[in-house]
Amino acid sequence: MAERGRRRLVMGGDLSSLSDSELETQREDLRLEYVACRDIDKATELYDELHGYDEEMTRRANEIYERDNPDATTRHREHGWYLPNED
């Protein structure tokens, strides 16, 4: 439970202070807790918390991509009526 308390404190703070491995480990612990949860209110809270971790992981992945591909062009997407067909 100490790990859970520490995770909650980090959620209240800033996830960007965690290393990638700490972030992944804490997210996995949270995911396992969510999967095992039988209380719908607690599960909803854990689900929302998981999204906080996902957003931080996505932010980091986007930063790495932008750093590795500074002149990347946008790509055509298959879905959406409002997108042009030219590539």
PDB file of N, CA and C in Angstrom:
ATOM      1  N   MET A   1       0.808  -1.205   0.000  1.00  0.00           N
ATOM      2  CA  MET A   1       0.000   0.000   0.000  1.00  0.00           C
ATOM      3  C   MET A   1       0.853   1.273   0.000  1.00  0.00           C
ATOM      4  N   ALA A   2       2.073   1.175   0.486  1.00  0.00           N
ATOM      5  CA  ALA A   2       2.929   2.361   0.490  1.00  0.00           C
ATOM      6  C   ALA A   2       3.177   2.841  -0.932  1.00  0.00           C
ATOM      7  N   GLU A   3       3.362   1.874  -1.848  1.00  0.00           N
ATOM      8  CA  GLU A   3       3.558   2.233  -3.252  1.00  0.00           C
ATOM      9  C   GLU A   3       2.343   2.968  -3.783  1.00  0.00           C
ATOM     10  N   ARG A   4       1.162   2.497  -3.411  1.00  0.00           N
ATOM     11  CA  ARG A   4      -0.071   3.145  -3.867  1.00  0.00           C
ATOM     12  C   ARG A   4      -0.145   4.573  -3.350  1.00  0.00           C
ATOM     13  N   GLY A   5       0.198   4.784  -2.095  1.00  0.00           N
ATOM     14  CA  GLY A   5       0.192   6.136  -1.540  1.00  0.00           C
ATOM     15  C   GLY A   5       1.183   7.035  -2.246  1.00  0.00           C
ATOM     16  N   ARG A   6       2.349   6.498  -2.553  1.00  0.00           N
ATOM     17  CA  ARG A   6       3.356   7.279  -3.257  1.00  0.00           C
ATOM     18  C   ARG A   6       2.879   7.618  -4.656  1.00  0.00           C
ATOM     19  N   ARG A   7       2.219   6.658  -5.321  1.00  0.00           N
ATOM     20  CA  ARG A   7       1.700   6.907  -6.663  1.00  0.00           C
ATOM     21  C   ARG A   7       0.661   8.018  -6.631  1.00  0.00           C
ATOM     22  N   ARG A   8      -0.211   7.985  -5.635  1.00  0.00           N
ATOM     23  CA  ARG A   8      -1.244   9.024  -5.528  1.00  0.00           C
ATOM     24  C   ARG A   8      -0.609  10.394  -5.337  1.00  0.00           C
ATOM     25  N   LEU A   9       0.468  10.457  -4.555  1.00  0.00           N
ATOM     26  CA  LEU A   9       1.133  11.737  -4.364  1.00  0.00           C
ATOM     27  C   LEU A   9       1.718  12.240  -5.677  1.00  0.00           C
ATOM     28  N   VAL A  10       2.294  11.327  -6.455  1.00  0.00           N
ATOM     29  CA  VAL A  10       2.856  11.728  -7.737  1.00  0.00           C
ATOM     30  C   VAL A  10       1.746  12.206  -8.662  1.00  0.00           C
ATOM     31  N   MET A  11       0.591  11.516  -8.661  1.00  0.00           N
ATOM     32  CA  MET A  11      -0.522  11.940  -9.509  1.00  0.00           C
ATOM     33  C   MET A  11      -0.965  13.349  -9.159  1.00  0.00           C
ATOM     34  N   GLY A  12      -0.964  13.665  -7.869  1.00  0.00           N
ATOM     35  CA  GLY A  12      -1.336  15.011  -7.462  1.00  0.00           C
ATOM     36  C   GLY A  12      -0.292  16.026  -7.895  1.00  0.00           C
ATOM     37  N   GLY A  13       0.919  15.533  -8.119  1.00  0.00           N
ATOM     38  CA  GLY A  13       2.001  16.401  -8.522  1.00  0.00           C
ATOM     39  C   GLY A  13       2.229  16.352 -10.013  1.00  0.00           C
ATOM     40  N   ASP A  14       3.458  16.014 -10.381  1.00  0.00           N
ATOM     41  CA  ASP A  14       3.845  16.073 -11.780  1.00  0.00           C
ATOM     42  C   ASP A  14       4.500  14.760 -12.185  1.00  0.00           C
ATOM     43  N   LEU A  15       3.888  14.043 -13.121  1.00  0.00           N
ATOM     44  CA  LEU A  15       4.424  12.764 -13.578  1.00  0.00           C
ATOM     45  C   LEU A  15       5.704  12.938 -14.381  1.00  0.00           C
ATOM     46  N   SER A  16       5.966  14.124 -14.866  1.00  0.00           N
ATOM     47  CA  SER A  16       7.157  14.341 -15.679  1.00  0.00           C
ATOM     48  C   SER A  16       8.440  14.193 -14.869  1.00  0.00           C
ATOM     49  N   SER A  17       8.340  14.193 -13.547  1.00  0.00           N
ATOM     50  CA  SER A  17       9.528  14.038 -12.718  1.00  0.00           C
ATOM     51  C   SER A  17       9.973  12.579 -12.623  1.00  0.00           C
ATOM     52  N   LEU A  18       9.129  11.639 -13.062  1.00  0.00           N
ATOM     53  CA  LEU A  18       9.472  10.224 -13.013  1.00  0.00           C
ATOM     54  C   LEU A  18      10.311   9.818 -14.213  1.00  0.00           C
ATOM     55  N   SER A  19      11.186   8.840 -14.005  1.00  0.00           N
ATOM     56  CA  SER A  19      11.915   8.280 -15.140  1.00  0.00           C
ATOM     57  C   SER A  19      10.949   7.433 -15.959  1.00  0.00           C
ATOM     58  N   ASP A  20      11.352   7.080 -17.174  1.00  0.00           N
ATOM     59  CA  ASP A  20      10.493   6.257 -18.027  1.00  0.00           C
ATOM     60  C   ASP A  20      10.172   4.919 -17.365  1.00  0.00           C
ATOM     61  N   SER A  21      11.175   4.296 -16.761  1.00  0.00           N
ATOM     62  CA  SER A  21      10.935   2.993 -16.132  1.00  0.00           C
ATOM     63  C   SER A  21      10.024   3.120 -14.912  1.00  0.00           C
ATOM     64  N   GLU A  22      10.187   4.177 -14.127  1.00  0.00           N
ATOM     65  CA  GLU A  22       9.293   4.390 -12.980  1.00  0.00           C
ATOM     66  C   GLU A  22       7.863   4.622 -13.463  1.00  0.00           C
ATOM     67  N   LEU A  23       7.719   5.400 -14.508  1.00  0.00           N
ATOM     68  CA  LEU A  23       6.394   5.691 -15.055  1.00  0.00           C
ATOM     69  C   LEU A  23       5.725   4.400 -15.538  1.00  0.00           C
ATOM     70  N   GLU A  24       6.456   3.583 -16.279  1.00  0.00           N
ATOM     71  CA  GLU A  24       5.907   2.328 -16.780  1.00  0.00           C
ATOM     72  C   GLU A  24       5.548   1.374 -15.640  1.00  0.00           C
ATOM     73  N   THR A  25       6.414   1.279 -14.637  1.00  0.00           N
ATOM     74  CA  THR A  25       6.167   0.388 -13.502  1.00  0.00           C
ATOM     75  C   THR A  25       4.935   0.819 -12.719  1.00  0.00           C
ATOM     76  N   GLN A  26       4.844   2.115 -12.434  1.00  0.00           N
ATOM     77  CA  GLN A  26       3.700   2.605 -11.669  1.00  0.00           C
ATOM     78  C   GLN A  26       2.411   2.483 -12.475  1.00  0.00           C
ATOM     79  N   ARG A  27       2.478   2.699 -13.796  1.00  0.00           N
ATOM     80  CA  ARG A  27       1.283   2.552 -14.622  1.00  0.00           C
ATOM     81  C   ARG A  27       0.819   1.101 -14.633  1.00  0.00           C
ATOM     82  N   GLU A  28       1.754   0.171 -14.727  1.00  0.00           N
ATOM     83  CA  GLU A  28       1.388  -1.243 -14.727  1.00  0.00           C
ATOM     84  C   GLU A  28       0.777  -1.652 -13.389  1.00  0.00           C
ATOM     85  N   ASP A  29       1.340  -1.172 -12.283  1.00  0.00           N
ATOM     86  CA  ASP A  29       0.759  -1.451 -10.962  1.00  0.00           C
ATOM     87  C   ASP A  29      -0.669  -0.916 -10.887  1.00  0.00           C
ATOM     88  N   LEU A  30      -0.867   0.270 -11.402  1.00  0.00           N
ATOM     89  CA  LEU A  30      -2.192   0.883 -11.409  1.00  0.00           C
ATOM     90  C   LEU A  30      -3.157   0.104 -12.299  1.00  0.00           C
ATOM     91  N   ARG A  31      -2.676  -0.333 -13.455  1.00  0.00           N
ATOM     92  CA  ARG A  31      -3.512  -1.110 -14.374  1.00  0.00           C
ATOM     93  C   ARG A  31      -3.963  -2.419 -13.733  1.00  0.00           C
ATOM     94  N   LEU A  32      -3.046  -3.092 -13.045  1.00  0.00           N
ATOM     95  CA  LEU A  32      -3.396  -4.347 -12.369  1.00  0.00           C
ATOM     96  C   LEU A  32      -4.411  -4.110 -11.258  1.00  0.00           C
ATOM     97  N   GLU A  33      -4.247  -3.006 -10.542  1.00  0.00           N
ATOM     98  CA  GLU A  33      -5.212  -2.647  -9.498  1.00  0.00           C
ATOM     99  C   GLU A  33      -6.580  -2.374 -10.116  1.00  0.00           C
ATOM    100  N   TYR A  34      -6.593  -1.689 -11.262  1.00  0.00           N
ATOM    101  CA  TYR A  34      -7.840  -1.383 -11.970  1.00  0.00           C
ATOM    102  C   TYR A  34      -8.541  -2.662 -12.421  1.00  0.00           C
ATOM    103  N   VAL A  35      -7.785  -3.588 -13.000  1.00  0.00           N
ATOM    104  CA  VAL A  35      -8.355  -4.833 -13.510  1.00  0.00           C
ATOM    105  C   VAL A  35      -8.956  -5.660 -12.375  1.00  0.00           C
ATOM    106  N   ALA A  36      -8.328  -5.645 -11.211  1.00  0.00           N
ATOM    107  CA  ALA A  36      -8.793  -6.442 -10.078  1.00  0.00           C
ATOM    108  C   ALA A  36      -9.910  -5.760  -9.281  1.00  0.00           C
ATOM    109  N   CYS A  37     -10.148  -4.486  -9.548  1.00  0.00           N
ATOM    110  CA  CYS A  37     -11.111  -3.712  -8.761  1.00  0.00           C
ATOM    111  C   CYS A  37     -12.548  -4.154  -9.037  1.00  0.00           C
ATOM    112  N   ARG A  38     -13.333  -4.271  -7.970  1.00  0.00           N
ATOM    113  CA  ARG A  38     -14.741  -4.653  -8.103  1.00  0.00           C
ATOM    114  C   ARG A  38     -15.698  -3.518  -7.708  1.00  0.00           C
ATOM    115  N   ASP A  39     -15.150  -2.431  -7.227  1.00  0.00           N
ATOM    116  CA  ASP A  39     -15.947  -1.269  -6.840  1.00  0.00           C
ATOM    117  C   ASP A  39     -15.970  -0.284  -8.016  1.00  0.00           C
ATOM    118  N   ILE A  40     -17.143  -0.013  -8.541  1.00  0.00           N
ATOM    119  CA  ILE A  40     -17.253   0.811  -9.751  1.00  0.00           C
ATOM    120  C   ILE A  40     -16.743   2.233  -9.543  1.00  0.00           C
ATOM    121  N   ASP A  41     -16.966   2.800  -8.368  1.00  0.00           N
ATOM    122  CA  ASP A  41     -16.484   4.164  -8.110  1.00  0.00           C
ATOM    123  C   ASP A  41     -14.964   4.208  -8.083  1.00  0.00           C
ATOM    124  N   LYS A  42     -14.370   3.224  -7.422  1.00  0.00           N
ATOM    125  CA  LYS A  42     -12.906   3.162  -7.366  1.00  0.00           C
ATOM    126  C   LYS A  42     -12.341   2.866  -8.757  1.00  0.00           C
ATOM    127  N   ALA A  43     -13.011   1.978  -9.493  1.00  0.00           N
ATOM    128  CA  ALA A  43     -12.549   1.643 -10.848  1.00  0.00           C
ATOM    129  C   ALA A  43     -12.576   2.878 -11.741  1.00  0.00           C
ATOM    130  N   THR A  44     -13.585   3.701 -11.596  1.00  0.00           N
ATOM    131  CA  THR A  44     -13.672   4.933 -12.387  1.00  0.00           C
ATOM    132  C   THR A  44     -12.512   5.860 -12.054  1.00  0.00           C
ATOM    133  N   GLU A  45     -12.205   5.980 -10.778  1.00  0.00           N
ATOM    134  CA  GLU A  45     -11.078   6.816 -10.344  1.00  0.00           C
ATOM    135  C   GLU A  45      -9.760   6.275 -10.898  1.00  0.00           C
ATOM    136  N   LEU A  46      -9.574   4.954 -10.834  1.00  0.00           N
ATOM    137  CA  LEU A  46      -8.352   4.341 -11.347  1.00  0.00           C
ATOM    138  C   LEU A  46      -8.247   4.499 -12.864  1.00  0.00           C
ATOM    139  N   TYR A  47      -9.371   4.379 -13.546  1.00  0.00           N
ATOM    140  CA  TYR A  47      -9.412   4.543 -15.003  1.00  0.00           C
ATOM    141  C   TYR A  47      -8.959   5.956 -15.389  1.00  0.00           C
ATOM    142  N   ASP A  48      -9.472   6.945 -14.679  1.00  0.00           N
ATOM    143  CA  ASP A  48      -9.074   8.331 -14.946  1.00  0.00           C
ATOM    144  C   ASP A  48      -7.590   8.531 -14.662  1.00  0.00           C
ATOM    145  N   GLU A  49      -7.112   7.892 -13.609  1.00  0.00           N
ATOM    146  CA  GLU A  49      -5.707   8.008 -13.246  1.00  0.00           C
ATOM    147  C   GLU A  49      -4.822   7.360 -14.326  1.00  0.00           C
ATOM    148  N   LEU A  50      -5.280   6.243 -14.859  1.00  0.00           N
ATOM    149  CA  LEU A  50      -4.536   5.585 -15.937  1.00  0.00           C
ATOM    150  C   LEU A  50      -4.360   6.518 -17.128  1.00  0.00           C
ATOM    151  N   HIS A  51      -5.381   7.287 -17.435  1.00  0.00           N
ATOM    152  CA  HIS A  51      -5.292   8.217 -18.556  1.00  0.00           C
ATOM    153  C   HIS A  51      -4.241   9.292 -18.313  1.00  0.00           C
ATOM    154  N   GLY A  52      -4.042   9.672 -17.059  1.00  0.00           N
ATOM    155  CA  GLY A  52      -2.979  10.626 -16.747  1.00  0.00           C
ATOM    156  C   GLY A  52      -1.612  10.060 -17.093  1.00  0.00           C
ATOM    157  N   TYR A  53      -1.414   8.795 -16.774  1.00  0.00           N
ATOM    158  CA  TYR A  53      -0.158   8.136 -17.130  1.00  0.00           C
ATOM    159  C   TYR A  53      -0.025   8.015 -18.647  1.00  0.00           C
ATOM    160  N   ASP A  54      -1.115   7.637 -19.313  1.00  0.00           N
ATOM    161  CA  ASP A  54      -1.087   7.500 -20.773  1.00  0.00           C
ATOM    162  C   ASP A  54      -0.755   8.825 -21.450  1.00  0.00           C
ATOM    163  N   GLU A  55      -1.331   9.908 -20.957  1.00  0.00           N
ATOM    164  CA  GLU A  55      -1.066  11.230 -21.531  1.00  0.00           C
ATOM    165  C   GLU A  55       0.405  11.602 -21.381  1.00  0.00           C
ATOM    166  N   GLU A  56       0.989  11.303 -20.220  1.00  0.00           N
ATOM    167  CA  GLU A  56       2.405  11.608 -20.001  1.00  0.00           C
ATOM    168  C   GLU A  56       3.279  10.754 -20.915  1.00  0.00           C
ATOM    169  N   MET A  57       2.952   9.476 -21.073  1.00  0.00           N
ATOM    170  CA  MET A  57       3.731   8.602 -21.946  1.00  0.00           C
ATOM    171  C   MET A  57       3.615   9.052 -23.401  1.00  0.00           C
ATOM    172  N   THR A  58       2.444   9.485 -23.816  1.00  0.00           N
ATOM    173  CA  THR A  58       2.240   9.979 -25.178  1.00  0.00           C
ATOM    174  C   THR A  58       3.014  11.277 -25.393  1.00  0.00           C
ATOM    175  N   ARG A  59       2.994  12.146 -24.400  1.00  0.00           N
ATOM    176  CA  ARG A  59       3.735  13.413 -24.497  1.00  0.00           C
ATOM    177  C   ARG A  59       5.225  13.135 -24.699  1.00  0.00           C
ATOM    178  N   ARG A  60       5.750  12.190 -23.929  1.00  0.00           N
ATOM    179  CA  ARG A  60       7.174  11.849 -24.052  1.00  0.00           C
ATOM    180  C   ARG A  60       7.484  11.244 -25.420  1.00  0.00           C
ATOM    181  N   ALA A  61       6.619  10.362 -25.899  1.00  0.00           N
ATOM    182  CA  ALA A  61       6.832   9.744 -27.211  1.00  0.00           C
ATOM    183  C   ALA A  61       6.796  10.801 -28.315  1.00  0.00           C
ATOM    184  N   ASN A  62       5.883  11.757 -28.208  1.00  0.00           N
ATOM    185  CA  ASN A  62       5.794  12.831 -29.204  1.00  0.00           C
ATOM    186  C   ASN A  62       7.028  13.719 -29.174  1.00  0.00           C
ATOM    187  N   GLU A  63       7.551  13.990 -27.986  1.00  0.00           N
ATOM    188  CA  GLU A  63       8.769  14.797 -27.881  1.00  0.00           C
ATOM    189  C   GLU A  63       9.946  14.098 -28.556  1.00  0.00           C
ATOM    190  N   ILE A  64      10.059  12.799 -28.339  1.00  0.00           N
ATOM    191  CA  ILE A  64      11.148  12.031 -28.955  1.00  0.00           C
ATOM    192  C   ILE A  64      10.998  12.030 -30.470  1.00  0.00           C
ATOM    193  N   TYR A  65       9.782  11.820 -30.953  1.00  0.00           N
ATOM    194  CA  TYR A  65       9.544  11.807 -32.392  1.00  0.00           C
ATOM    195  C   TYR A  65       9.890  13.165 -33.007  1.00  0.00           C
ATOM    196  N   GLU A  66       9.458  14.231 -32.372  1.00  0.00           N
ATOM    197  CA  GLU A  66       9.740  15.568 -32.897  1.00  0.00           C
ATOM    198  C   GLU A  66      11.232  15.869 -32.888  1.00  0.00           C
ATOM    199  N   ARG A  67      11.929  15.374 -31.880  1.00  0.00           N
ATOM    200  CA  ARG A  67      13.373  15.590 -31.813  1.00  0.00           C
ATOM    201  C   ARG A  67      14.088  14.786 -32.903  1.00  0.00           C
ATOM    202  N   ASP A  68      13.648  13.548 -33.135  1.00  0.00           N
ATOM    203  CA  ASP A  68      14.272  12.688 -34.142  1.00  0.00           C
ATOM    204  C   ASP A  68      13.877  13.046 -35.567  1.00  0.00           C
ATOM    205  N   ASN A  69      12.730  13.688 -35.739  1.00  0.00           N
ATOM    206  CA  ASN A  69      12.209  14.040 -37.069  1.00  0.00           C
ATOM    207  C   ASN A  69      11.767  15.497 -37.093  1.00  0.00           C
ATOM    208  N   PRO A  70      12.710  16.410 -37.045  1.00  0.00           N
ATOM    209  CA  PRO A  70      12.339  17.827 -36.935  1.00  0.00           C
ATOM    210  C   PRO A  70      11.583  18.378 -38.145  1.00  0.00           C
ATOM    211  N   ASP A  71      11.801  17.805 -39.314  1.00  0.00           N
ATOM    212  CA  ASP A  71      11.144  18.303 -40.523  1.00  0.00           C
ATOM    213  C   ASP A  71      10.088  17.340 -41.042  1.00  0.00           C
ATOM    214  N   ALA A  72       9.467  16.611 -40.143  1.00  0.00           N
ATOM    215  CA  ALA A  72       8.475  15.615 -40.555  1.00  0.00           C
ATOM    216  C   ALA A  72       7.258  16.305 -41.159  1.00  0.00           C
ATOM    217  N   THR A  73       6.765  15.719 -42.249  1.00  0.00           N
ATOM    218  CA  THR A  73       5.559  16.250 -42.875  1.00  0.00           C
ATOM    219  C   THR A  73       4.349  15.498 -42.333  1.00  0.00           C
ATOM    220  N   THR A  74       3.219  16.141 -42.382  1.00  0.00           N
ATOM    221  CA  THR A  74       2.006  15.471 -41.919  1.00  0.00           C
ATOM    222  C   THR A  74       1.640  14.373 -42.903  1.00  0.00           C
ATOM    223  N   ARG A  75       0.994  13.363 -42.403  1.00  0.00           N
ATOM    224  CA  ARG A  75       0.632  12.220 -43.225  1.00  0.00           C
ATOM    225  C   ARG A  75      -0.855  12.223 -43.514  1.00  0.00           C
ATOM    226  N   HIS A  76      -1.195  11.725 -44.682  1.00  0.00           N
ATOM    227  CA  HIS A  76      -2.605  11.588 -45.049  1.00  0.00           C
ATOM    228  C   HIS A  76      -3.234  10.496 -44.190  1.00  0.00           C
ATOM    229  N   ARG A  77      -4.401  10.758 -43.680  1.00  0.00           N
ATOM    230  CA  ARG A  77      -5.124   9.763 -42.898  1.00  0.00           C
ATOM    231  C   ARG A  77      -6.310   9.259 -43.692  1.00  0.00           C
ATOM    232  N   GLU A  78      -6.638   8.018 -43.487  1.00  0.00           N
ATOM    233  CA  GLU A  78      -7.703   7.375 -44.245  1.00  0.00           C
ATOM    234  C   GLU A  78      -9.098   7.792 -43.807  1.00  0.00           C
ATOM    235  N   HIS A  79      -9.259   8.202 -42.567  1.00  0.00           N
ATOM    236  CA  HIS A  79     -10.590   8.441 -42.014  1.00  0.00           C
ATOM    237  C   HIS A  79     -10.892   9.931 -41.924  1.00  0.00           C
ATOM    238  N   GLY A  80     -12.109  10.262 -42.165  1.00  0.00           N
ATOM    239  CA  GLY A  80     -12.535  11.645 -42.012  1.00  0.00           C
ATOM    240  C   GLY A  80     -12.926  12.253 -43.339  1.00  0.00           C
ATOM    241  N   TRP A  81     -14.156  12.683 -43.456  1.00  0.00           N
ATOM    242  CA  TRP A  81     -14.655  13.251 -44.702  1.00  0.00           C
ATOM    243  C   TRP A  81     -14.018  14.595 -45.002  1.00  0.00           C
ATOM    244  N   TYR A  82     -13.500  15.248 -43.988  1.00  0.00           N
ATOM    245  CA  TYR A  82     -12.975  16.594 -44.144  1.00  0.00           C
ATOM    246  C   TYR A  82     -11.520  16.620 -44.574  1.00  0.00           C
ATOM    247  N   LEU A  83     -10.882  15.442 -44.722  1.00  0.00           N
ATOM    248  CA  LEU A  83      -9.481  15.405 -45.077  1.00  0.00           C
ATOM    249  C   LEU A  83      -9.328  15.353 -46.601  1.00  0.00           C
ATOM    250  N   PRO A  84      -8.316  16.046 -47.132  1.00  0.00           N
ATOM    251  CA  PRO A  84      -8.111  16.028 -48.588  1.00  0.00           C
ATOM    252  C   PRO A  84      -7.594  14.663 -49.042  1.00  0.00           C
ATOM    253  N   ASN A  85      -7.837  14.328 -50.297  1.00  0.00           N
ATOM    254  CA  ASN A  85      -7.398  13.058 -50.847  1.00  0.00           C
ATOM    255  C   ASN A  85      -6.003  13.133 -51.456  1.00  0.00           C
ATOM    256  N   GLU A  86      -5.438  14.329 -51.617  1.00  0.00           N
ATOM    257  CA  GLU A  86      -4.114  14.456 -52.195  1.00  0.00           C
ATOM    258  C   GLU A  86      -3.061  14.062 -51.158  1.00  0.00           C
ATOM    259  N   ASP A  87      -2.045  13.400 -51.612  1.00  0.00           N
ATOM    260  CA  ASP A  87      -0.917  13.054 -50.729  1.00  0.00           C
ATOM    261  C   ASP A  87       0.321  13.792 -51.149  1.00  0.00           C
TER     262      ASP A  87
END
